[in-house]
Amino acid sequence: MADTTVTSLRFKNDQYNKVKELAAFNGVSVTTYMRQAVIERMEDEEDYRDAQANLKASAGETVSRAEIMKRLGMQP
């Protein structure tokens, strides 16, 4: 892993204990759980920015789910 960066986070004990419990519940380490959470948040933010850009580019015009399925030759 030559292209990695190590960082640290500070949590209040009760917050860390919640993270630790969630990591254990999901069967992963605390580090893995936090990394996944951050990456998911980044992906959500990127999706949101893309959606905003698409909406702006469409001048607010939308297409129904049924219309999209029709255009793709799918059954609703």
C-alpha atoms as a PDB file:
ATOM      1  CA  MET A   1       0.000   0.000   0.000  1.00  0.00           C
ATOM      2  CA  ALA A   2       2.471   2.605  -1.135  1.00  0.00           C
ATOM      3  CA  ASP A   3      -0.201   5.170  -1.946  1.00  0.00           C
ATOM      4  CA  THR A   4      -1.859   5.416   1.458  1.00  0.00           C
ATOM      5  CA  THR A   5      -2.073   8.030   4.164  1.00  0.00           C
ATOM      6  CA  VAL A   6      -2.517   7.392   7.856  1.00  0.00           C
ATOM      7  CA  THR A   7      -4.641   9.806   9.849  1.00  0.00           C
ATOM      8  CA  SER A   8      -6.203   9.925  13.270  1.00  0.00           C
ATOM      9  CA  LEU A   9      -9.545  10.999  14.638  1.00  0.00           C
ATOM     10  CA  ARG A  10     -10.585  12.103  18.091  1.00  0.00           C
ATOM     11  CA  PHE A  11     -13.871  10.912  19.527  1.00  0.00           C
ATOM     12  CA  LYS A  12     -15.482  11.335  22.886  1.00  0.00           C
ATOM     13  CA  ASN A  13     -15.447   7.965  24.623  1.00  0.00           C
ATOM     14  CA  ASP A  14     -19.182   7.428  24.210  1.00  0.00           C
ATOM     15  CA  GLN A  15     -18.961   8.213  20.483  1.00  0.00           C
ATOM     16  CA  TYR A  16     -16.043   5.834  19.995  1.00  0.00           C
ATOM     17  CA  ASN A  17     -17.863   3.103  21.877  1.00  0.00           C
ATOM     18  CA  LYS A  18     -20.819   3.463  19.497  1.00  0.00           C
ATOM     19  CA  VAL A  19     -18.490   3.229  16.490  1.00  0.00           C
ATOM     20  CA  LYS A  20     -16.823   0.198  18.038  1.00  0.00           C
ATOM     21  CA  GLU A  21     -20.198  -1.495  18.641  1.00  0.00           C
ATOM     22  CA  LEU A  22     -21.317  -0.812  15.053  1.00  0.00           C
ATOM     23  CA  ALA A  23     -18.046  -2.150  13.664  1.00  0.00           C
ATOM     24  CA  ALA A  24     -18.415  -5.333  15.728  1.00  0.00           C
ATOM     25  CA  PHE A  25     -22.050  -5.690  14.641  1.00  0.00           C
ATOM     26  CA  ASN A  26     -20.927  -5.450  11.002  1.00  0.00           C
ATOM     27  CA  GLY A  27     -18.066  -7.875  11.577  1.00  0.00           C
ATOM     28  CA  VAL A  28     -15.290  -5.457  10.670  1.00  0.00           C
ATOM     29  CA  SER A  29     -12.558  -3.597  12.487  1.00  0.00           C
ATOM     30  CA  VAL A  30     -13.094  -0.068  13.725  1.00  0.00           C
ATOM     31  CA  THR A  31     -10.646   1.186  11.107  1.00  0.00           C
ATOM     32  CA  THR A  32     -12.476  -0.597   8.290  1.00  0.00           C
ATOM     33  CA  TYR A  33     -15.844   0.626   9.547  1.00  0.00           C
ATOM     34  CA  MET A  34     -14.680   4.251   9.669  1.00  0.00           C
ATOM     35  CA  ARG A  35     -12.996   4.026   6.254  1.00  0.00           C
ATOM     36  CA  GLN A  36     -16.167   2.579   4.705  1.00  0.00           C
ATOM     37  CA  ALA A  37     -18.306   5.269   6.340  1.00  0.00           C
ATOM     38  CA  VAL A  38     -16.108   8.077   5.010  1.00  0.00           C
ATOM     39  CA  ILE A  39     -15.950   6.590   1.508  1.00  0.00           C
ATOM     40  CA  GLU A  40     -19.741   6.112   1.426  1.00  0.00           C
ATOM     41  CA  ARG A  41     -20.217   9.727   2.501  1.00  0.00           C
ATOM     42  CA  MET A  42     -17.851  10.917  -0.236  1.00  0.00           C
ATOM     43  CA  GLU A  43     -19.749   8.873  -2.835  1.00  0.00           C
ATOM     44  CA  ASP A  44     -23.072  10.274  -1.596  1.00  0.00           C
ATOM     45  CA  GLU A  45     -21.724  13.823  -1.859  1.00  0.00           C
ATOM     46  CA  GLU A  46     -20.465  13.152  -5.386  1.00  0.00           C
ATOM     47  CA  ASP A  47     -23.842  11.674  -6.394  1.00  0.00           C
ATOM     48  CA  TYR A  48     -25.605  14.723  -4.962  1.00  0.00           C
ATOM     49  CA  ARG A  49     -23.338  17.134  -6.863  1.00  0.00           C
ATOM     50  CA  ASP A  50     -23.889  15.145 -10.066  1.00  0.00           C
ATOM     51  CA  ALA A  51     -27.654  15.230  -9.547  1.00  0.00           C
ATOM     52  CA  GLN A  52     -27.564  18.991  -8.990  1.00  0.00           C
ATOM     53  CA  ALA A  53     -25.520  19.491 -12.152  1.00  0.00           C
ATOM     54  CA  ASN A  54     -27.875  17.273 -14.163  1.00  0.00           C
ATOM     55  CA  LEU A  55     -30.930  19.089 -12.862  1.00  0.00           C
ATOM     56  CA  LYS A  56     -29.355  22.437 -13.699  1.00  0.00           C
ATOM     57  CA  ALA A  57     -28.413  21.236 -17.187  1.00  0.00           C
ATOM     58  CA  SER A  58     -31.979  20.053 -17.779  1.00  0.00           C
ATOM     59  CA  ALA A  59     -33.379  23.455 -16.782  1.00  0.00           C
ATOM     60  CA  GLY A  60     -35.550  21.689 -14.210  1.00  0.00           C
ATOM     61  CA  GLU A  61     -37.191  19.436 -16.778  1.00  0.00           C
ATOM     62  CA  THR A  62     -37.768  15.915 -15.478  1.00  0.00           C
ATOM     63  CA  VAL A  63     -38.777  12.594 -17.004  1.00  0.00           C
ATOM     64  CA  SER A  64     -40.981  10.041 -15.258  1.00  0.00           C
ATOM     65  CA  ARG A  65     -39.748   6.606 -14.285  1.00  0.00           C
ATOM     66  CA  ALA A  66     -42.281   5.088 -16.684  1.00  0.00           C
ATOM     67  CA  GLU A  67     -40.914   7.179 -19.565  1.00  0.00           C
ATOM     68  CA  ILE A  68     -37.327   6.149 -18.810  1.00  0.00           C
ATOM     69  CA  MET A  69     -38.337   2.492 -18.708  1.00  0.00           C
ATOM     70  CA  LYS A  70     -40.189   2.923 -22.006  1.00  0.00           C
ATOM     71  CA  ARG A  71     -37.120   4.522 -23.612  1.00  0.00           C
ATOM     72  CA  LEU A  72     -34.981   1.619 -22.367  1.00  0.00           C
ATOM     73  CA  GLY A  73     -37.463  -0.968 -23.638  1.00  0.00           C
ATOM     74  CA  MET A  74     -38.266  -2.181 -20.129  1.00  0.00           C
ATOM     75  CA  GLN A  75     -41.623  -3.032 -18.598  1.00  0.00           C
ATOM     76  CA  PRO A  76     -42.742  -0.826 -15.662  1.00  0.00           C
END
